[in-house]
Amino acid sequence: MAYQISDACVSCGACAEQCPVSAISEGDGKYEIDADACLSCGACAEVCPVGAPAEA
């Protein structure tokens, strides 16, 4: 199941830098994950300072 980024996102970009398939991009007010590209590896969740990415 793909990860999703909650409204807790502070737009720091740490998650996007760690995504091995570049499935994360800057959206309107927070980062967003392309569910079709997400591998559910959890790399984004491991580096997020506020715990915004989580499995959907």
N, C-alpha and C. Protein backbone atom coordinates (compact mmCIF):
# COMPACT_ATOMS: atom_id res chain seq x y z
N MET A 1 0.85 -1.18 0.00
CA MET A 1 0.00 0.00 0.00
C MET A 1 0.89 1.24 0.00
N ALA A 2 0.59 2.20 -0.82
CA ALA A 2 1.39 3.42 -0.96
C ALA A 2 1.31 4.29 0.29
N TYR A 3 2.36 5.05 0.49
CA TYR A 3 2.40 6.01 1.60
C TYR A 3 1.66 7.28 1.18
N GLN A 4 1.17 8.02 2.17
CA GLN A 4 0.55 9.32 1.96
C GLN A 4 1.17 10.29 2.95
N ILE A 5 1.20 11.56 2.61
CA ILE A 5 1.75 12.58 3.48
C ILE A 5 0.61 13.37 4.10
N SER A 6 0.61 13.43 5.43
CA SER A 6 -0.47 14.12 6.15
C SER A 6 -0.26 15.63 6.14
N ASP A 7 -1.24 16.34 6.69
CA ASP A 7 -1.17 17.79 6.79
C ASP A 7 -0.10 18.25 7.78
N ALA A 8 0.51 17.33 8.50
CA ALA A 8 1.59 17.68 9.44
C ALA A 8 2.86 18.08 8.69
N CYS A 9 2.91 17.84 7.39
CA CYS A 9 4.08 18.14 6.56
C CYS A 9 4.49 19.60 6.71
N VAL A 10 5.81 19.81 6.91
CA VAL A 10 6.35 21.16 7.03
C VAL A 10 7.14 21.56 5.78
N SER A 11 7.01 20.80 4.71
CA SER A 11 7.63 21.09 3.42
C SER A 11 9.15 21.26 3.48
N CYS A 12 9.80 20.40 4.26
CA CYS A 12 11.26 20.49 4.38
C CYS A 12 11.97 19.80 3.22
N GLY A 13 11.30 18.84 2.56
CA GLY A 13 11.88 18.16 1.42
C GLY A 13 12.72 16.94 1.74
N ALA A 14 12.89 16.62 3.01
CA ALA A 14 13.71 15.48 3.40
C ALA A 14 13.19 14.18 2.78
N CYS A 15 11.90 14.02 2.72
CA CYS A 15 11.30 12.80 2.18
C CYS A 15 11.60 12.65 0.69
N ALA A 16 11.46 13.74 -0.05
CA ALA A 16 11.68 13.69 -1.50
C ALA A 16 13.13 13.32 -1.82
N GLU A 17 14.06 13.81 -1.02
CA GLU A 17 15.48 13.51 -1.24
C GLU A 17 15.78 12.03 -1.04
N GLN A 18 15.03 11.35 -0.17
CA GLN A 18 15.30 9.96 0.15
C GLN A 18 14.52 8.96 -0.71
N CYS A 19 13.52 9.41 -1.44
CA CYS A 19 12.69 8.49 -2.23
C CYS A 19 13.51 7.90 -3.38
N PRO A 20 13.65 6.56 -3.42
CA PRO A 20 14.47 5.92 -4.46
C PRO A 20 13.85 5.95 -5.86
N VAL A 21 12.56 6.26 -5.97
CA VAL A 21 11.91 6.28 -7.27
C VAL A 21 11.34 7.66 -7.62
N SER A 22 11.72 8.67 -6.88
CA SER A 22 11.28 10.05 -7.12
C SER A 22 9.75 10.17 -7.19
N ALA A 23 9.07 9.49 -6.28
CA ALA A 23 7.61 9.51 -6.25
C ALA A 23 7.05 10.68 -5.45
N ILE A 24 7.94 11.47 -4.84
CA ILE A 24 7.49 12.56 -3.98
C ILE A 24 7.84 13.89 -4.62
N SER A 25 6.84 14.78 -4.66
CA SER A 25 7.06 16.11 -5.23
C SER A 25 6.38 17.16 -4.37
N GLU A 26 6.82 18.40 -4.55
CA GLU A 26 6.25 19.50 -3.78
C GLU A 26 4.86 19.82 -4.32
N GLY A 27 3.90 19.81 -3.42
CA GLY A 27 2.53 20.12 -3.82
C GLY A 27 2.13 21.48 -3.30
N ASP A 28 0.85 21.72 -3.19
CA ASP A 28 0.32 22.99 -2.72
C ASP A 28 0.28 23.00 -1.20
N GLY A 29 1.32 23.52 -0.58
CA GLY A 29 1.38 23.62 0.88
C GLY A 29 2.02 22.44 1.58
N LYS A 30 2.21 21.33 0.89
CA LYS A 30 2.88 20.16 1.46
C LYS A 30 3.37 19.27 0.33
N TYR A 31 4.21 18.33 0.65
CA TYR A 31 4.70 17.38 -0.35
C TYR A 31 3.64 16.31 -0.59
N GLU A 32 3.68 15.72 -1.79
CA GLU A 32 2.70 14.71 -2.18
C GLU A 32 3.42 13.49 -2.74
N ILE A 33 2.81 12.32 -2.56
CA ILE A 33 3.38 11.07 -3.06
C ILE A 33 2.51 10.53 -4.19
N ASP A 34 3.16 10.18 -5.29
CA ASP A 34 2.48 9.54 -6.42
C ASP A 34 2.26 8.08 -6.04
N ALA A 35 1.03 7.72 -5.73
CA ALA A 35 0.70 6.38 -5.26
C ALA A 35 1.07 5.29 -6.26
N ASP A 36 1.02 5.61 -7.55
CA ASP A 36 1.34 4.62 -8.58
C ASP A 36 2.84 4.32 -8.63
N ALA A 37 3.66 5.28 -8.23
CA ALA A 37 5.11 5.11 -8.27
C ALA A 37 5.69 4.64 -6.93
N CYS A 38 4.98 4.88 -5.85
CA CYS A 38 5.46 4.54 -4.51
C CYS A 38 5.70 3.05 -4.34
N LEU A 39 6.88 2.72 -3.78
CA LEU A 39 7.24 1.32 -3.53
C LEU A 39 6.87 0.85 -2.13
N SER A 40 6.37 1.76 -1.30
CA SER A 40 6.06 1.47 0.10
C SER A 40 7.29 1.00 0.87
N CYS A 41 8.44 1.58 0.55
CA CYS A 41 9.69 1.18 1.19
C CYS A 41 9.87 1.81 2.57
N GLY A 42 9.22 2.96 2.80
CA GLY A 42 9.31 3.61 4.10
C GLY A 42 10.48 4.56 4.27
N ALA A 43 11.29 4.74 3.23
CA ALA A 43 12.45 5.63 3.32
C ALA A 43 12.02 7.05 3.69
N CYS A 44 10.90 7.49 3.17
CA CYS A 44 10.41 8.84 3.45
C CYS A 44 10.02 8.99 4.92
N ALA A 45 9.36 7.99 5.45
CA ALA A 45 8.90 8.04 6.84
C ALA A 45 10.07 8.04 7.81
N GLU A 46 11.14 7.36 7.44
CA GLU A 46 12.31 7.26 8.32
C GLU A 46 13.02 8.60 8.51
N VAL A 47 12.96 9.48 7.52
CA VAL A 47 13.69 10.75 7.60
C VAL A 47 12.81 11.95 7.93
N CYS A 48 11.51 11.79 7.93
CA CYS A 48 10.61 12.92 8.18
C CYS A 48 10.68 13.36 9.65
N PRO A 49 10.99 14.65 9.89
CA PRO A 49 11.10 15.14 11.27
C PRO A 49 9.77 15.25 12.00
N VAL A 50 8.65 15.23 11.28
CA VAL A 50 7.34 15.37 11.93
C VAL A 50 6.44 14.15 11.74
N GLY A 51 6.96 13.10 11.11
CA GLY A 51 6.19 11.87 10.93
C GLY A 51 5.02 11.99 9.98
N ALA A 52 5.12 12.88 8.99
CA ALA A 52 4.00 13.11 8.06
C ALA A 52 3.72 11.92 7.13
N PRO A 53 4.73 11.25 6.55
CA PRO A 53 4.42 10.13 5.66
C PRO A 53 4.00 8.88 6.47
N ALA A 54 2.93 8.26 6.02
CA ALA A 54 2.45 7.04 6.67
C ALA A 54 1.76 6.17 5.63
N GLU A 55 1.72 4.86 5.89
CA GLU A 55 1.04 3.96 4.97
C GLU A 55 -0.45 4.29 4.94
N ALA A 56 -1.00 4.30 3.75
CA ALA A 56 -2.42 4.61 3.57
C ALA A 56 -3.29 3.45 3.98
